[in-house]
Amino acid sequence: MAAAPAPVAGAARKAQKIDFNRDVRPILSENCFACHGFDDAKRTGGLRLDLAEAMLKPGASGKPPVVPGKPDASELMKRVLATNARQMPPVSSHKTLTKVQIETLRSWIAQGAKYSTHWAFVAPKRPALPAVSNQAWVRNPIDRFVLARLESAGLKPNPEADRSTLARRVSFDLTGLPPTPGDVAAFVGDTRTDAYERMVDRLLASPHYGERLALKWLDLARYADTHGYHIDS
């Protein structure tokens, strides 16, 4: 999958096609959904911003939060630009939108305020493969995206690593451990065309691969700091 473009501001931001899930939803989720999201008990002002139809309905003020194609007529923009008690997010939330975020919202509305359901419920579509100059370097579709990005920056891929280095890299990546001398020797001496795939399959079948994957989740859950619940003592 191609990497998402980095945020830009000003005229470049206005020219960029705004994607709701990539560019807008994170802003609303971080700054607005706590008071204007799916939780009926916490929703304020009768305003809901997590549904397309709700964004177009008048809120408690009698005005719709979003008027597609008209950012200056959209109550959402008026509130994020306000400097008085009407300011959103409110000062009490300790949240502040950056200039880039405000420009993103403005551009999104100006481009028609197209809403997309949560990405988890959107069927993935294969993107078109980018054109590249060095066709001989490409071995699979993902290579095209990598190479297209390199070529756009005026760069060239490094030469392929030797087999000992490849064995070390993939072992650290999949298990977090270095390969044994025997593992390296076996791979270096394996002349089959699928030798690398065989090595990867062997590492994926290792218990250490499961430990490597679990480690990230355990760290995220602060496993060492708890008896098993985030609310315990």
C-alpha atoms as a PDB file:
ATOM      1  CA  MET A   1       0.000   0.000   0.000  1.00  0.00           C
ATOM      2  CA  ALA A   2       1.353   3.420  -0.880  1.00  0.00           C
ATOM      3  CA  ALA A   3       2.254   5.711   2.019  1.00  0.00           C
ATOM      4  CA  ALA A   4      -0.146   8.555   2.800  1.00  0.00           C
ATOM      5  CA  PRO A   5       1.144  11.982   1.790  1.00  0.00           C
ATOM      6  CA  ALA A   6       2.484  14.178   4.567  1.00  0.00           C
ATOM      7  CA  PRO A   7       0.306  17.072   5.774  1.00  0.00           C
ATOM      8  CA  VAL A   8       0.888  20.336   3.953  1.00  0.00           C
ATOM      9  CA  ALA A   9      -0.476  23.819   4.462  1.00  0.00           C
ATOM     10  CA  GLY A  10      -1.548  26.863   2.481  1.00  0.00           C
ATOM     11  CA  ALA A  11      -2.148  26.699  -1.254  1.00  0.00           C
ATOM     12  CA  ALA A  12      -0.698  23.193  -1.487  1.00  0.00           C
ATOM     13  CA  ARG A  13      -3.231  21.952   1.062  1.00  0.00           C
ATOM     14  CA  LYS A  14      -6.098  23.524  -0.855  1.00  0.00           C
ATOM     15  CA  ALA A  15      -4.982  21.792  -4.044  1.00  0.00           C
ATOM     16  CA  GLN A  16      -4.619  18.394  -2.398  1.00  0.00           C
ATOM     17  CA  LYS A  17      -7.566  16.011  -2.548  1.00  0.00           C
ATOM     18  CA  ILE A  18      -8.778  15.608   1.027  1.00  0.00           C
ATOM     19  CA  ASP A  19      -9.711  12.109   2.137  1.00  0.00           C
ATOM     20  CA  PHE A  20     -12.147  11.967   5.060  1.00  0.00           C
ATOM     21  CA  ASN A  21     -10.758   8.859   6.760  1.00  0.00           C
ATOM     22  CA  ARG A  22      -7.120   9.823   6.279  1.00  0.00           C
ATOM     23  CA  ASP A  23      -7.273  13.571   6.882  1.00  0.00           C
ATOM     24  CA  VAL A  24     -10.519  14.597   8.586  1.00  0.00           C
ATOM     25  CA  ARG A  25     -11.681  11.759  10.821  1.00  0.00           C
ATOM     26  CA  PRO A  26      -8.489  11.846  12.973  1.00  0.00           C
ATOM     27  CA  ILE A  27      -9.065  15.559  13.634  1.00  0.00           C
ATOM     28  CA  LEU A  28     -12.701  15.070  14.630  1.00  0.00           C
ATOM     29  CA  SER A  29     -11.937  11.953  16.636  1.00  0.00           C
ATOM     30  CA  GLU A  30      -9.221  13.669  18.653  1.00  0.00           C
ATOM     31  CA  ASN A  31     -10.976  16.975  19.226  1.00  0.00           C
ATOM     32  CA  CYS A  32     -14.738  16.627  18.691  1.00  0.00           C
ATOM     33  CA  PHE A  33     -16.150  13.126  19.141  1.00  0.00           C
ATOM     34  CA  ALA A  34     -15.928  13.188  22.946  1.00  0.00           C
ATOM     35  CA  CYS A  35     -18.795  15.721  23.000  1.00  0.00           C
ATOM     36  CA  HIS A  36     -20.252  15.276  19.519  1.00  0.00           C
ATOM     37  CA  GLY A  37     -19.800  11.573  18.797  1.00  0.00           C
ATOM     38  CA  PHE A  38     -21.658   8.309  19.159  1.00  0.00           C
ATOM     39  CA  ASP A  39     -22.091   8.413  22.960  1.00  0.00           C
ATOM     40  CA  ASP A  40     -25.644   9.657  23.633  1.00  0.00           C
ATOM     41  CA  ALA A  41     -24.888  10.237  27.321  1.00  0.00           C
ATOM     42  CA  LYS A  42     -21.997  12.601  26.644  1.00  0.00           C
ATOM     43  CA  ARG A  43     -23.259  14.342  23.499  1.00  0.00           C
ATOM     44  CA  THR A  44     -23.812  18.085  23.887  1.00  0.00           C
ATOM     45  CA  GLY A  45     -25.762  20.651  21.912  1.00  0.00           C
ATOM     46  CA  GLY A  46     -27.688  17.980  20.040  1.00  0.00           C
ATOM     47  CA  LEU A  47     -24.764  17.888  17.627  1.00  0.00           C
ATOM     48  CA  ARG A  48     -23.310  14.694  16.201  1.00  0.00           C
ATOM     49  CA  LEU A  49     -20.294  14.726  13.883  1.00  0.00           C
ATOM     50  CA  ASP A  50     -19.596  11.018  13.413  1.00  0.00           C
ATOM     51  CA  LEU A  51     -22.426  10.441  10.918  1.00  0.00           C
ATOM     52  CA  ALA A  52     -22.784  12.003   7.480  1.00  0.00           C
ATOM     53  CA  GLU A  53     -26.493  12.746   7.807  1.00  0.00           C
ATOM     54  CA  ALA A  54     -26.013  14.319  11.227  1.00  0.00           C
ATOM     55  CA  MET A  55     -23.345  16.692   9.916  1.00  0.00           C
ATOM     56  CA  LEU A  56     -25.847  18.169   7.483  1.00  0.00           C
ATOM     57  CA  LYS A  57     -28.691  18.605   9.977  1.00  0.00           C
ATOM     58  CA  PRO A  58     -29.161  21.852  11.931  1.00  0.00           C
ATOM     59  CA  GLY A  59     -27.936  21.608  15.499  1.00  0.00           C
ATOM     60  CA  ALA A  60     -29.169  23.454  18.589  1.00  0.00           C
ATOM     61  CA  SER A  61     -28.123  26.718  16.937  1.00  0.00           C
ATOM     62  CA  GLY A  62     -30.517  26.049  14.071  1.00  0.00           C
ATOM     63  CA  LYS A  63     -27.644  25.943  11.599  1.00  0.00           C
ATOM     64  CA  PRO A  64     -26.053  22.846   9.992  1.00  0.00           C
ATOM     65  CA  PRO A  65     -22.497  22.075  11.097  1.00  0.00           C
ATOM     66  CA  VAL A  66     -21.399  21.516   7.523  1.00  0.00           C
ATOM     67  CA  VAL A  67     -22.620  23.061   4.265  1.00  0.00           C
ATOM     68  CA  PRO A  68     -20.888  21.117   1.463  1.00  0.00           C
ATOM     69  CA  GLY A  69     -18.886  23.414  -0.795  1.00  0.00           C
ATOM     70  CA  LYS A  70     -19.342  26.415   1.509  1.00  0.00           C
ATOM     71  CA  PRO A  71     -16.850  26.476   4.396  1.00  0.00           C
ATOM     72  CA  ASP A  72     -17.673  30.100   5.293  1.00  0.00           C
ATOM     73  CA  ALA A  73     -21.356  29.147   5.729  1.00  0.00           C
ATOM     74  CA  SER A  74     -20.545  26.066   7.806  1.00  0.00           C
ATOM     75  CA  GLU A  75     -21.059  26.393  11.536  1.00  0.00           C
ATOM     76  CA  LEU A  76     -18.186  23.962  12.090  1.00  0.00           C
ATOM     77  CA  MET A  77     -15.702  26.409  10.572  1.00  0.00           C
ATOM     78  CA  LYS A  78     -17.193  29.372  12.407  1.00  0.00           C
ATOM     79  CA  ARG A  79     -16.760  27.576  15.714  1.00  0.00           C
ATOM     80  CA  VAL A  80     -13.173  26.407  15.188  1.00  0.00           C
ATOM     81  CA  LEU A  81     -12.225  29.945  14.136  1.00  0.00           C
ATOM     82  CA  ALA A  82     -14.055  31.669  17.015  1.00  0.00           C
ATOM     83  CA  THR A  83     -12.077  33.312  19.806  1.00  0.00           C
ATOM     84  CA  ASN A  84     -14.953  33.778  22.267  1.00  0.00           C
ATOM     85  CA  ALA A  85     -17.252  31.488  24.243  1.00  0.00           C
ATOM     86  CA  ARG A  86     -18.391  29.887  20.967  1.00  0.00           C
ATOM     87  CA  GLN A  87     -14.901  28.536  20.322  1.00  0.00           C
ATOM     88  CA  MET A  88     -14.586  24.839  19.553  1.00  0.00           C
ATOM     89  CA  PRO A  89     -12.966  22.857  20.950  1.00  0.00           C
ATOM     90  CA  PRO A  90     -13.743  24.787  24.147  1.00  0.00           C
ATOM     91  CA  VAL A  91     -10.889  26.087  26.247  1.00  0.00           C
ATOM     92  CA  SER A  92     -11.925  23.715  29.033  1.00  0.00           C
ATOM     93  CA  SER A  93     -11.086  20.720  26.814  1.00  0.00           C
ATOM     94  CA  HIS A  94      -7.411  21.789  26.677  1.00  0.00           C
ATOM     95  CA  LYS A  95      -7.421  20.934  22.973  1.00  0.00           C
ATOM     96  CA  THR A  96      -6.442  23.305  20.183  1.00  0.00           C
ATOM     97  CA  LEU A  97      -6.584  22.799  16.435  1.00  0.00           C
ATOM     98  CA  THR A  98      -3.444  23.628  14.501  1.00  0.00           C
ATOM     99  CA  LYS A  99      -3.495  25.878  11.450  1.00  0.00           C
ATOM    100  CA  VAL A 100      -2.943  22.824   9.247  1.00  0.00           C
ATOM    101  CA  GLN A 101      -5.908  21.033  10.829  1.00  0.00           C
ATOM    102  CA  ILE A 102      -8.169  24.050  10.366  1.00  0.00           C
ATOM    103  CA  GLU A 103      -7.078  24.382   6.743  1.00  0.00           C
ATOM    104  CA  THR A 104      -7.736  20.673   6.267  1.00  0.00           C
ATOM    105  CA  LEU A 105     -11.319  21.061   7.508  1.00  0.00           C
ATOM    106  CA  ARG A 106     -11.827  24.113   5.293  1.00  0.00           C
ATOM    107  CA  SER A 107     -10.486  22.332   2.213  1.00  0.00           C
ATOM    108  CA  TRP A 108     -12.578  19.243   2.934  1.00  0.00           C
ATOM    109  CA  ILE A 109     -15.781  21.288   3.113  1.00  0.00           C
ATOM    110  CA  ALA A 110     -14.820  23.317   0.040  1.00  0.00           C
ATOM    111  CA  GLN A 111     -14.285  20.076  -1.880  1.00  0.00           C
ATOM    112  CA  GLY A 112     -17.829  18.929  -1.078  1.00  0.00           C
ATOM    113  CA  ALA A 113     -17.445  17.508   2.435  1.00  0.00           C
ATOM    114  CA  LYS A 114     -17.499  13.929   1.181  1.00  0.00           C
ATOM    115  CA  TYR A 115     -17.971  11.577   4.121  1.00  0.00           C
ATOM    116  CA  SER A 116     -16.607   8.034   4.314  1.00  0.00           C
ATOM    117  CA  THR A 117     -17.655   5.354   6.758  1.00  0.00           C
ATOM    118  CA  HIS A 118     -14.964   4.034   9.087  1.00  0.00           C
ATOM    119  CA  TRP A 119     -12.129   2.500   7.106  1.00  0.00           C
ATOM    120  CA  ALA A 120     -12.662  -0.870   8.828  1.00  0.00           C
ATOM    121  CA  PHE A 121     -15.998  -1.191   7.016  1.00  0.00           C
ATOM    122  CA  VAL A 122     -14.707  -0.138   3.595  1.00  0.00           C
ATOM    123  CA  ALA A 123     -13.720  -2.942   1.230  1.00  0.00           C
ATOM    124  CA  PRO A 124     -10.094  -2.431   0.191  1.00  0.00           C
ATOM    125  CA  LYS A 125      -9.362  -1.695  -3.451  1.00  0.00           C
ATOM    126  CA  ARG A 126      -6.102  -2.400  -5.187  1.00  0.00           C
ATOM    127  CA  PRO A 127      -4.485   0.868  -6.280  1.00  0.00           C
ATOM    128  CA  ALA A 128      -3.127   1.263  -9.772  1.00  0.00           C
ATOM    129  CA  LEU A 129       0.505   0.226 -10.026  1.00  0.00           C
ATOM    130  CA  PRO A 130       2.799   3.236 -10.515  1.00  0.00           C
ATOM    131  CA  ALA A 131       5.018   3.504 -13.541  1.00  0.00           C
ATOM    132  CA  VAL A 132       8.746   3.039 -12.914  1.00  0.00           C
ATOM    133  CA  SER A 133      11.861   3.403 -15.049  1.00  0.00           C
ATOM    134  CA  ASN A 134      13.927   0.502 -13.707  1.00  0.00           C
ATOM    135  CA  GLN A 135      11.597  -2.345 -14.673  1.00  0.00           C
ATOM    136  CA  ALA A 136      14.308  -4.965 -14.151  1.00  0.00           C
ATOM    137  CA  TRP A 137      14.469  -4.203 -10.415  1.00  0.00           C
ATOM    138  CA  VAL A 138      10.780  -4.995  -9.848  1.00  0.00           C
ATOM    139  CA  ARG A 139       9.977  -8.503  -8.601  1.00  0.00           C
ATOM    140  CA  ASN A 140       6.486  -7.964  -7.190  1.00  0.00           C
ATOM    141  CA  PRO A 141       3.789  -5.229  -7.126  1.00  0.00           C
ATOM    142  CA  ILE A 142       4.999  -3.796  -3.810  1.00  0.00           C
ATOM    143  CA  ASP A 143       8.407  -3.176  -5.361  1.00  0.00           C
ATOM    144  CA  ARG A 144       6.759  -0.782  -7.797  1.00  0.00           C
ATOM    145  CA  PHE A 145       5.540   1.495  -5.012  1.00  0.00           C
ATOM    146  CA  VAL A 146       8.926   1.460  -3.287  1.00  0.00           C
ATOM    147  CA  LEU A 147      10.789   2.138  -6.506  1.00  0.00           C
ATOM    148  CA  ALA A 148       8.367   4.848  -7.664  1.00  0.00           C
ATOM    149  CA  ARG A 149       8.950   6.725  -4.413  1.00  0.00           C
ATOM    150  CA  LEU A 150      12.717   6.360  -4.731  1.00  0.00           C
ATOM    151  CA  GLU A 151      12.718   7.517  -8.340  1.00  0.00           C
ATOM    152  CA  SER A 152      10.541  10.516  -7.511  1.00  0.00           C
ATOM    153  CA  ALA A 153      13.248  11.596  -5.070  1.00  0.00           C
ATOM    154  CA  GLY A 154      16.037  10.975  -7.552  1.00  0.00           C
ATOM    155  CA  LEU A 155      17.303   7.948  -5.624  1.00  0.00           C
ATOM    156  CA  LYS A 156      18.267   4.406  -6.608  1.00  0.00           C
ATOM    157  CA  PRO A 157      17.862   1.177  -4.631  1.00  0.00           C
ATOM    158  CA  ASN A 158      20.901  -0.170  -2.832  1.00  0.00           C
ATOM    159  CA  PRO A 159      22.459  -3.360  -4.200  1.00  0.00           C
ATOM    160  CA  GLU A 160      20.949  -6.580  -2.846  1.00  0.00           C
ATOM    161  CA  ALA A 161      22.531  -7.670   0.430  1.00  0.00           C
ATOM    162  CA  ASP A 162      24.624 -10.811   0.614  1.00  0.00           C
ATOM    163  CA  ARG A 163      23.005 -13.961   1.972  1.00  0.00           C
ATOM    164  CA  SER A 164      24.572 -13.762   5.427  1.00  0.00           C
ATOM    165  CA  THR A 165      23.228 -10.241   5.866  1.00  0.00           C
ATOM    166  CA  LEU A 166      19.787 -11.261   4.608  1.00  0.00           C
ATOM    167  CA  ALA A 167      19.652 -14.127   7.096  1.00  0.00           C
ATOM    168  CA  ARG A 168      20.583 -11.799   9.947  1.00  0.00           C
ATOM    169  CA  ARG A 169      18.068  -9.117   8.929  1.00  0.00           C
ATOM    170  CA  VAL A 170      15.072 -11.408   8.547  1.00  0.00           C
ATOM    171  CA  SER A 171      15.856 -13.286  11.744  1.00  0.00           C
ATOM    172  CA  PHE A 172      15.999 -10.090  13.802  1.00  0.00           C
ATOM    173  CA  ASP A 173      12.868  -8.767  12.104  1.00  0.00           C
ATOM    174  CA  LEU A 174      10.719 -11.856  12.681  1.00  0.00           C
ATOM    175  CA  THR A 175      12.066 -13.217  15.979  1.00  0.00           C
ATOM    176  CA  GLY A 176      14.108 -10.427  17.537  1.00  0.00           C
ATOM    177  CA  LEU A 177      17.025 -12.853  17.762  1.00  0.00           C
ATOM    178  CA  PRO A 178      20.171 -13.327  15.656  1.00  0.00           C
ATOM    179  CA  PRO A 179      20.407 -16.452  13.506  1.00  0.00           C
ATOM    180  CA  THR A 180      22.626 -19.277  14.643  1.00  0.00           C
ATOM    181  CA  PRO A 181      25.788 -19.962  12.640  1.00  0.00           C
ATOM    182  CA  GLY A 182      24.115 -23.143  11.457  1.00  0.00           C
ATOM    183  CA  ASP A 183      21.046 -21.234  10.219  1.00  0.00           C
ATOM    184  CA  VAL A 184      23.255 -18.832   8.254  1.00  0.00           C
ATOM    185  CA  ALA A 185      25.322 -21.640   6.743  1.00  0.00           C
ATOM    186  CA  ALA A 186      22.194 -23.551   5.736  1.00  0.00           C
ATOM    187  CA  PHE A 187      20.731 -20.529   3.969  1.00  0.00           C
ATOM    188  CA  VAL A 188      23.980 -19.577   2.246  1.00  0.00           C
ATOM    189  CA  GLY A 189      24.326 -23.125   0.960  1.00  0.00           C
ATOM    190  CA  ASP A 190      20.704 -23.503  -0.150  1.00  0.00           C
ATOM    191  CA  THR A 191      20.693 -23.111  -3.924  1.00  0.00           C
ATOM    192  CA  ARG A 192      16.953 -23.609  -4.392  1.00  0.00           C
ATOM    193  CA  THR A 193      15.080 -20.696  -5.953  1.00  0.00           C
ATOM    194  CA  ASP A 194      12.729 -20.501  -2.957  1.00  0.00           C
ATOM    195  CA  ALA A 195      15.485 -20.641  -0.323  1.00  0.00           C
ATOM    196  CA  TYR A 196      14.544 -17.267   1.155  1.00  0.00           C
ATOM    197  CA  GLU A 197      10.847 -18.179   1.329  1.00  0.00           C
ATOM    198  CA  ARG A 198      11.770 -21.425   3.098  1.00  0.00           C
ATOM    199  CA  MET A 199      13.810 -19.529   5.665  1.00  0.00           C
ATOM    200  CA  VAL A 200      10.952 -17.090   6.277  1.00  0.00           C
ATOM    201  CA  ASP A 201       8.472 -19.967   6.689  1.00  0.00           C
ATOM    202  CA  ARG A 202      10.775 -21.626   9.218  1.00  0.00           C
ATOM    203  CA  LEU A 203      11.079 -18.415  11.236  1.00  0.00           C
ATOM    204  CA  LEU A 204       7.307 -17.840  11.135  1.00  0.00           C
ATOM    205  CA  ALA A 205       6.813 -21.338  12.565  1.00  0.00           C
ATOM    206  CA  SER A 206       9.190 -20.602  15.436  1.00  0.00           C
ATOM    207  CA  PRO A 207       7.775 -19.881  18.927  1.00  0.00           C
ATOM    208  CA  HIS A 208      10.086 -16.876  18.977  1.00  0.00           C
ATOM    209  CA  TYR A 209       8.024 -15.279  16.202  1.00  0.00           C
ATOM    210  CA  GLY A 210       4.951 -15.434  18.447  1.00  0.00           C
ATOM    211  CA  GLU A 211       6.945 -13.947  21.303  1.00  0.00           C
ATOM    212  CA  ARG A 212       8.136 -11.153  19.043  1.00  0.00           C
ATOM    213  CA  LEU A 213       4.576 -10.262  17.996  1.00  0.00           C
ATOM    214  CA  ALA A 214       3.161 -10.532  21.499  1.00  0.00           C
ATOM    215  CA  LEU A 215       5.858  -8.262  22.935  1.00  0.00           C
ATOM    216  CA  LYS A 216       4.491  -5.177  21.194  1.00  0.00           C
ATOM    217  CA  TRP A 217       0.977  -5.772  22.487  1.00  0.00           C
ATOM    218  CA  LEU A 218       2.183  -6.553  25.995  1.00  0.00           C
ATOM    219  CA  ASP A 219       4.206  -3.348  26.036  1.00  0.00           C
ATOM    220  CA  LEU A 220       1.205  -1.391  24.763  1.00  0.00           C
ATOM    221  CA  ALA A 221      -0.960  -2.867  27.503  1.00  0.00           C
ATOM    222  CA  ARG A 222       1.757  -2.093  30.099  1.00  0.00           C
ATOM    223  CA  TYR A 223       1.722  -5.785  30.983  1.00  0.00           C
ATOM    224  CA  ALA A 224       4.537  -5.472  33.517  1.00  0.00           C
ATOM    225  CA  ASP A 225       2.728  -2.654  35.359  1.00  0.00           C
ATOM    226  CA  THR A 226      -0.542  -4.438  36.069  1.00  0.00           C
ATOM    227  CA  HIS A 227      -2.168  -7.542  37.524  1.00  0.00           C
ATOM    228  CA  GLY A 228      -4.220  -7.795  34.348  1.00  0.00           C
ATOM    229  CA  TYR A 229      -6.614  -4.855  34.452  1.00  0.00           C
ATOM    230  CA  HIS A 230      -5.923  -1.230  33.639  1.00  0.00           C
ATOM    231  CA  ILE A 231      -7.949  -0.092  36.676  1.00  0.00           C
ATOM    232  CA  ASP A 232      -6.226  -2.234  39.304  1.00  0.00           C
ATOM    233  CA  SER A 233      -3.823  -1.014  41.941  1.00  0.00           C
END
